[in-house]
Amino acid sequence: MTEAKTPNQCTGLEDVRLELDRLDAQLVALFARRHHYVQRVAALKNNENEAYDSNRIDDVIAKVRKRAIEHGGDADQAEMVWRSLIDWNINYEKGIIAARQVRD
């Protein structure tokens, strides 16, 4: 694969799309890695009610917004993506915990 280009080095849509595809591949790998930790969290929790922690959610969102700004990104976009991720993770954790309780 060719060397990555900065946005200003991209001379056309094909260049930009190639770089977006490259970043998407990295993001998918990071989300998959993150998911392994979510699986571990679900294994450590004993009650479905533990899956939702409003204080933890507020803390994560605040960090994400701050980091987005620090990197020149859009804090609102980052928050939207993370809230969706968090909601999915909560439902995933609840499902894992509920299934384990049925087996036990």
N, C-alpha and C. Protein backbone atom coordinates (compact mmCIF):
# COMPACT_ATOMS: atom_id res chain seq x y z
N MET A 1 0.85 -1.18 0.00
CA MET A 1 0.00 0.00 0.00
C MET A 1 0.89 1.24 0.00
N THR A 2 0.40 2.28 -0.60
CA THR A 2 1.17 3.52 -0.68
C THR A 2 1.24 4.20 0.68
N GLU A 3 2.17 5.11 0.81
CA GLU A 3 2.33 5.85 2.06
C GLU A 3 1.15 6.79 2.27
N ALA A 4 0.75 6.94 3.51
CA ALA A 4 -0.39 7.80 3.84
C ALA A 4 -0.11 9.25 3.46
N LYS A 5 -1.16 9.93 3.06
CA LYS A 5 -1.08 11.34 2.71
C LYS A 5 -1.85 12.16 3.74
N THR A 6 -1.41 13.37 3.96
CA THR A 6 -2.18 14.30 4.77
C THR A 6 -3.35 14.80 3.91
N PRO A 7 -4.37 15.38 4.55
CA PRO A 7 -5.48 15.91 3.74
C PRO A 7 -5.01 16.89 2.66
N ASN A 8 -4.06 17.74 2.98
CA ASN A 8 -3.58 18.72 2.00
C ASN A 8 -2.78 18.10 0.88
N GLN A 9 -2.25 16.89 1.07
CA GLN A 9 -1.51 16.21 0.02
C GLN A 9 -2.44 15.48 -0.95
N CYS A 10 -3.69 15.32 -0.58
CA CYS A 10 -4.66 14.66 -1.45
C CYS A 10 -5.04 15.61 -2.57
N THR A 11 -4.90 15.13 -3.81
CA THR A 11 -5.17 16.01 -4.95
C THR A 11 -6.53 15.75 -5.59
N GLY A 12 -7.19 14.70 -5.18
CA GLY A 12 -8.50 14.40 -5.74
C GLY A 12 -9.31 13.53 -4.81
N LEU A 13 -10.53 13.27 -5.22
CA LEU A 13 -11.43 12.45 -4.41
C LEU A 13 -10.88 11.05 -4.19
N GLU A 14 -10.23 10.48 -5.19
CA GLU A 14 -9.68 9.13 -5.04
C GLU A 14 -8.64 9.08 -3.92
N ASP A 15 -7.79 10.10 -3.85
CA ASP A 15 -6.79 10.18 -2.77
C ASP A 15 -7.47 10.27 -1.41
N VAL A 16 -8.47 11.13 -1.33
CA VAL A 16 -9.17 11.31 -0.05
C VAL A 16 -9.86 10.01 0.36
N ARG A 17 -10.52 9.37 -0.57
CA ARG A 17 -11.23 8.13 -0.26
C ARG A 17 -10.27 7.01 0.15
N LEU A 18 -9.11 6.97 -0.47
CA LEU A 18 -8.10 5.98 -0.09
C LEU A 18 -7.68 6.20 1.36
N GLU A 19 -7.46 7.45 1.74
CA GLU A 19 -7.05 7.76 3.12
C GLU A 19 -8.18 7.49 4.11
N LEU A 20 -9.42 7.79 3.72
CA LEU A 20 -10.55 7.47 4.59
C LEU A 20 -10.67 5.96 4.78
N ASP A 21 -10.49 5.19 3.70
CA ASP A 21 -10.53 3.73 3.82
C ASP A 21 -9.42 3.23 4.74
N ARG A 22 -8.26 3.83 4.63
CA ARG A 22 -7.13 3.44 5.48
C ARG A 22 -7.45 3.72 6.95
N LEU A 23 -8.01 4.89 7.23
CA LEU A 23 -8.40 5.24 8.60
C LEU A 23 -9.53 4.35 9.10
N ASP A 24 -10.49 4.05 8.24
CA ASP A 24 -11.59 3.17 8.63
C ASP A 24 -11.07 1.80 9.06
N ALA A 25 -10.10 1.27 8.34
CA ALA A 25 -9.52 -0.03 8.69
C ALA A 25 -8.89 0.03 10.09
N GLN A 26 -8.21 1.13 10.39
CA GLN A 26 -7.60 1.30 11.71
C GLN A 26 -8.67 1.44 12.79
N LEU A 27 -9.72 2.18 12.48
CA LEU A 27 -10.80 2.36 13.46
C LEU A 27 -11.50 1.04 13.77
N VAL A 28 -11.76 0.24 12.73
CA VAL A 28 -12.41 -1.05 12.95
C VAL A 28 -11.54 -1.92 13.85
N ALA A 29 -10.24 -1.93 13.61
CA ALA A 29 -9.33 -2.71 14.45
C ALA A 29 -9.36 -2.21 15.89
N LEU A 30 -9.39 -0.91 16.08
CA LEU A 30 -9.44 -0.36 17.44
C LEU A 30 -10.77 -0.66 18.12
N PHE A 31 -11.87 -0.57 17.39
CA PHE A 31 -13.17 -0.89 17.97
C PHE A 31 -13.25 -2.37 18.35
N ALA A 32 -12.66 -3.22 17.51
CA ALA A 32 -12.64 -4.65 17.84
C ALA A 32 -11.82 -4.88 19.12
N ARG A 33 -10.70 -4.22 19.22
CA ARG A 33 -9.87 -4.33 20.43
C ARG A 33 -10.63 -3.82 21.65
N ARG A 34 -11.34 -2.72 21.48
CA ARG A 34 -12.13 -2.15 22.57
C ARG A 34 -13.22 -3.13 23.00
N HIS A 35 -13.80 -3.82 22.02
CA HIS A 35 -14.89 -4.75 22.30
C HIS A 35 -14.43 -5.89 23.22
N HIS A 36 -13.19 -6.29 23.09
CA HIS A 36 -12.67 -7.34 23.98
C HIS A 36 -12.72 -6.89 25.44
N TYR A 37 -12.49 -5.61 25.67
CA TYR A 37 -12.59 -5.08 27.04
C TYR A 37 -14.04 -5.02 27.50
N VAL A 38 -14.93 -4.70 26.58
CA VAL A 38 -16.36 -4.70 26.91
C VAL A 38 -16.80 -6.11 27.28
N GLN A 39 -16.31 -7.09 26.56
CA GLN A 39 -16.63 -8.49 26.89
C GLN A 39 -16.14 -8.82 28.31
N ARG A 40 -14.95 -8.33 28.65
CA ARG A 40 -14.42 -8.60 29.98
C ARG A 40 -15.25 -7.90 31.05
N VAL A 41 -15.67 -6.68 30.79
CA VAL A 41 -16.54 -5.95 31.72
C VAL A 41 -17.81 -6.75 31.97
N ALA A 42 -18.41 -7.25 30.90
CA ALA A 42 -19.64 -8.04 31.03
C ALA A 42 -19.40 -9.29 31.86
N ALA A 43 -18.23 -9.88 31.73
CA ALA A 43 -17.91 -11.08 32.51
C ALA A 43 -17.73 -10.77 33.99
N LEU A 44 -17.31 -9.55 34.29
CA LEU A 44 -17.05 -9.17 35.68
C LEU A 44 -18.29 -8.67 36.42
N LYS A 45 -19.32 -8.28 35.68
CA LYS A 45 -20.54 -7.77 36.29
C LYS A 45 -21.50 -8.92 36.58
N ASN A 46 -22.24 -8.79 37.68
CA ASN A 46 -23.14 -9.86 38.10
C ASN A 46 -24.61 -9.53 37.94
N ASN A 47 -24.93 -8.28 37.67
CA ASN A 47 -26.31 -7.84 37.63
C ASN A 47 -26.51 -6.94 36.42
N GLU A 48 -27.60 -7.12 35.71
CA GLU A 48 -27.89 -6.29 34.52
C GLU A 48 -27.89 -4.80 34.85
N ASN A 49 -28.29 -4.44 36.05
CA ASN A 49 -28.34 -3.03 36.44
C ASN A 49 -26.95 -2.39 36.49
N GLU A 50 -25.93 -3.21 36.61
CA GLU A 50 -24.56 -2.69 36.62
C GLU A 50 -24.11 -2.21 35.24
N ALA A 51 -24.82 -2.61 34.20
CA ALA A 51 -24.42 -2.25 32.84
C ALA A 51 -24.56 -0.75 32.58
N TYR A 52 -25.46 -0.10 33.29
CA TYR A 52 -25.68 1.34 33.10
C TYR A 52 -25.14 2.10 34.31
N ASP A 53 -24.15 2.97 34.06
CA ASP A 53 -23.54 3.77 35.12
C ASP A 53 -23.47 5.21 34.62
N SER A 54 -24.43 6.02 35.01
CA SER A 54 -24.52 7.38 34.47
C SER A 54 -23.28 8.21 34.77
N ASN A 55 -22.68 8.03 35.95
CA ASN A 55 -21.47 8.78 36.26
C ASN A 55 -20.33 8.40 35.32
N ARG A 56 -20.19 7.12 35.05
CA ARG A 56 -19.14 6.65 34.13
C ARG A 56 -19.41 7.17 32.73
N ILE A 57 -20.66 7.15 32.31
CA ILE A 57 -21.00 7.65 30.98
C ILE A 57 -20.66 9.13 30.85
N ASP A 58 -21.05 9.92 31.85
CA ASP A 58 -20.74 11.35 31.83
C ASP A 58 -19.23 11.59 31.76
N ASP A 59 -18.47 10.80 32.51
CA ASP A 59 -17.02 10.93 32.52
C ASP A 59 -16.43 10.60 31.16
N VAL A 60 -16.88 9.50 30.56
CA VAL A 60 -16.37 9.09 29.25
C VAL A 60 -16.70 10.16 28.20
N ILE A 61 -17.92 10.65 28.20
CA ILE A 61 -18.32 11.66 27.21
C ILE A 61 -17.50 12.93 27.38
N ALA A 62 -17.29 13.37 28.60
CA ALA A 62 -16.48 14.57 28.83
C ALA A 62 -15.06 14.39 28.29
N LYS A 63 -14.48 13.21 28.54
CA LYS A 63 -13.12 12.93 28.03
C LYS A 63 -13.10 12.91 26.51
N VAL A 64 -14.09 12.28 25.91
CA VAL A 64 -14.15 12.18 24.45
C VAL A 64 -14.28 13.56 23.83
N ARG A 65 -15.14 14.39 24.38
CA ARG A 65 -15.31 15.74 23.85
C ARG A 65 -14.01 16.53 23.95
N LYS A 66 -13.35 16.42 25.09
CA LYS A 66 -12.08 17.14 25.31
C LYS A 66 -11.02 16.66 24.32
N ARG A 67 -10.91 15.36 24.16
CA ARG A 67 -9.91 14.80 23.24
C ARG A 67 -10.20 15.18 21.80
N ALA A 68 -11.47 15.19 21.43
CA ALA A 68 -11.83 15.59 20.07
C ALA A 68 -11.36 17.01 19.79
N ILE A 69 -11.61 17.90 20.72
CA ILE A 69 -11.19 19.30 20.56
C ILE A 69 -9.67 19.40 20.50
N GLU A 70 -8.99 18.66 21.37
CA GLU A 70 -7.53 18.69 21.38
C GLU A 70 -6.93 18.24 20.05
N HIS A 71 -7.63 17.35 19.36
CA HIS A 71 -7.14 16.84 18.08
C HIS A 71 -7.71 17.61 16.88
N GLY A 72 -8.42 18.69 17.14
CA GLY A 72 -8.99 19.50 16.06
C GLY A 72 -10.24 18.90 15.45
N GLY A 73 -10.87 17.99 16.19
CA GLY A 73 -12.08 17.35 15.69
C GLY A 73 -13.33 18.06 16.17
N ASP A 74 -14.46 17.48 15.86
CA ASP A 74 -15.76 18.02 16.22
C ASP A 74 -16.26 17.29 17.47
N ALA A 75 -16.38 18.00 18.58
CA ALA A 75 -16.79 17.41 19.85
C ALA A 75 -18.20 16.83 19.77
N ASP A 76 -19.10 17.49 19.05
CA ASP A 76 -20.47 16.98 18.92
C ASP A 76 -20.50 15.66 18.16
N GLN A 77 -19.70 15.56 17.11
CA GLN A 77 -19.64 14.31 16.36
C GLN A 77 -19.07 13.19 17.23
N ALA A 78 -18.01 13.48 17.95
CA ALA A 78 -17.40 12.48 18.82
C ALA A 78 -18.40 12.01 19.88
N GLU A 79 -19.12 12.96 20.47
CA GLU A 79 -20.11 12.59 21.49
C GLU A 79 -21.19 11.70 20.89
N MET A 80 -21.66 12.04 19.70
CA MET A 80 -22.71 11.25 19.06
C MET A 80 -22.23 9.81 18.83
N VAL A 81 -21.02 9.67 18.32
CA VAL A 81 -20.47 8.33 18.04
C VAL A 81 -20.33 7.56 19.34
N TRP A 82 -19.80 8.21 20.38
CA TRP A 82 -19.58 7.49 21.64
C TRP A 82 -20.87 7.17 22.37
N ARG A 83 -21.85 8.04 22.29
CA ARG A 83 -23.14 7.71 22.92
C ARG A 83 -23.77 6.49 22.24
N SER A 84 -23.65 6.41 20.93
CA SER A 84 -24.15 5.24 20.21
C SER A 84 -23.38 3.99 20.64
N LEU A 85 -22.07 4.11 20.73
CA LEU A 85 -21.23 3.00 21.16
C LEU A 85 -21.57 2.57 22.59
N ILE A 86 -21.72 3.52 23.46
CA ILE A 86 -22.06 3.23 24.86
C ILE A 86 -23.42 2.54 24.95
N ASP A 87 -24.41 3.06 24.24
CA ASP A 87 -25.74 2.44 24.25
C ASP A 87 -25.67 0.99 23.78
N TRP A 88 -24.92 0.75 22.70
CA TRP A 88 -24.78 -0.61 22.19
C TRP A 88 -24.10 -1.49 23.24
N ASN A 89 -23.04 -0.96 23.87
CA ASN A 89 -22.31 -1.73 24.87
C ASN A 89 -23.18 -2.07 26.07
N ILE A 90 -24.00 -1.15 26.51
CA ILE A 90 -24.90 -1.40 27.64
C ILE A 90 -25.84 -2.55 27.31
N ASN A 91 -26.44 -2.50 26.13
CA ASN A 91 -27.35 -3.58 25.73
C ASN A 91 -26.61 -4.90 25.58
N TYR A 92 -25.41 -4.86 25.05
CA TYR A 92 -24.60 -6.07 24.91
C TYR A 92 -24.30 -6.66 26.29
N GLU A 93 -23.84 -5.82 27.21
CA GLU A 93 -23.53 -6.28 28.57
C GLU A 93 -24.76 -6.89 29.24
N LYS A 94 -25.90 -6.21 29.12
CA LYS A 94 -27.13 -6.74 29.72
C LYS A 94 -27.46 -8.12 29.17
N GLY A 95 -27.29 -8.30 27.86
CA GLY A 95 -27.57 -9.58 27.25
C GLY A 95 -26.64 -10.68 27.74
N ILE A 96 -25.38 -10.37 27.86
CA ILE A 96 -24.40 -11.35 28.34
C ILE A 96 -24.69 -11.72 29.79
N ILE A 97 -24.97 -10.71 30.61
CA ILE A 97 -25.24 -10.96 32.03
C ILE A 97 -26.52 -11.78 32.18
N ALA A 98 -27.57 -11.41 31.43
CA ALA A 98 -28.85 -12.13 31.51
C ALA A 98 -28.67 -13.59 31.07
N ALA A 99 -27.92 -13.80 30.00
CA ALA A 99 -27.71 -15.18 29.52
C ALA A 99 -26.93 -16.00 30.55
N ARG A 100 -25.99 -15.38 31.19
CA ARG A 100 -25.22 -16.10 32.21
C ARG A 100 -26.09 -16.45 33.42
N GLN A 101 -26.98 -15.54 33.79
CA GLN A 101 -27.86 -15.79 34.93
C GLN A 101 -28.84 -16.94 34.64
N VAL A 102 -29.26 -17.06 33.40
CA VAL A 102 -30.16 -18.15 33.02
C VAL A 102 -29.43 -19.49 33.13
N ARG A 103 -28.17 -19.51 32.74
CA ARG A 103 -27.38 -20.74 32.82
C ARG A 103 -27.06 -21.15 34.26
N ASP A 104 -26.85 -20.13 35.11
CA ASP A 104 -26.44 -20.42 36.51
C ASP A 104 -27.55 -20.90 37.36
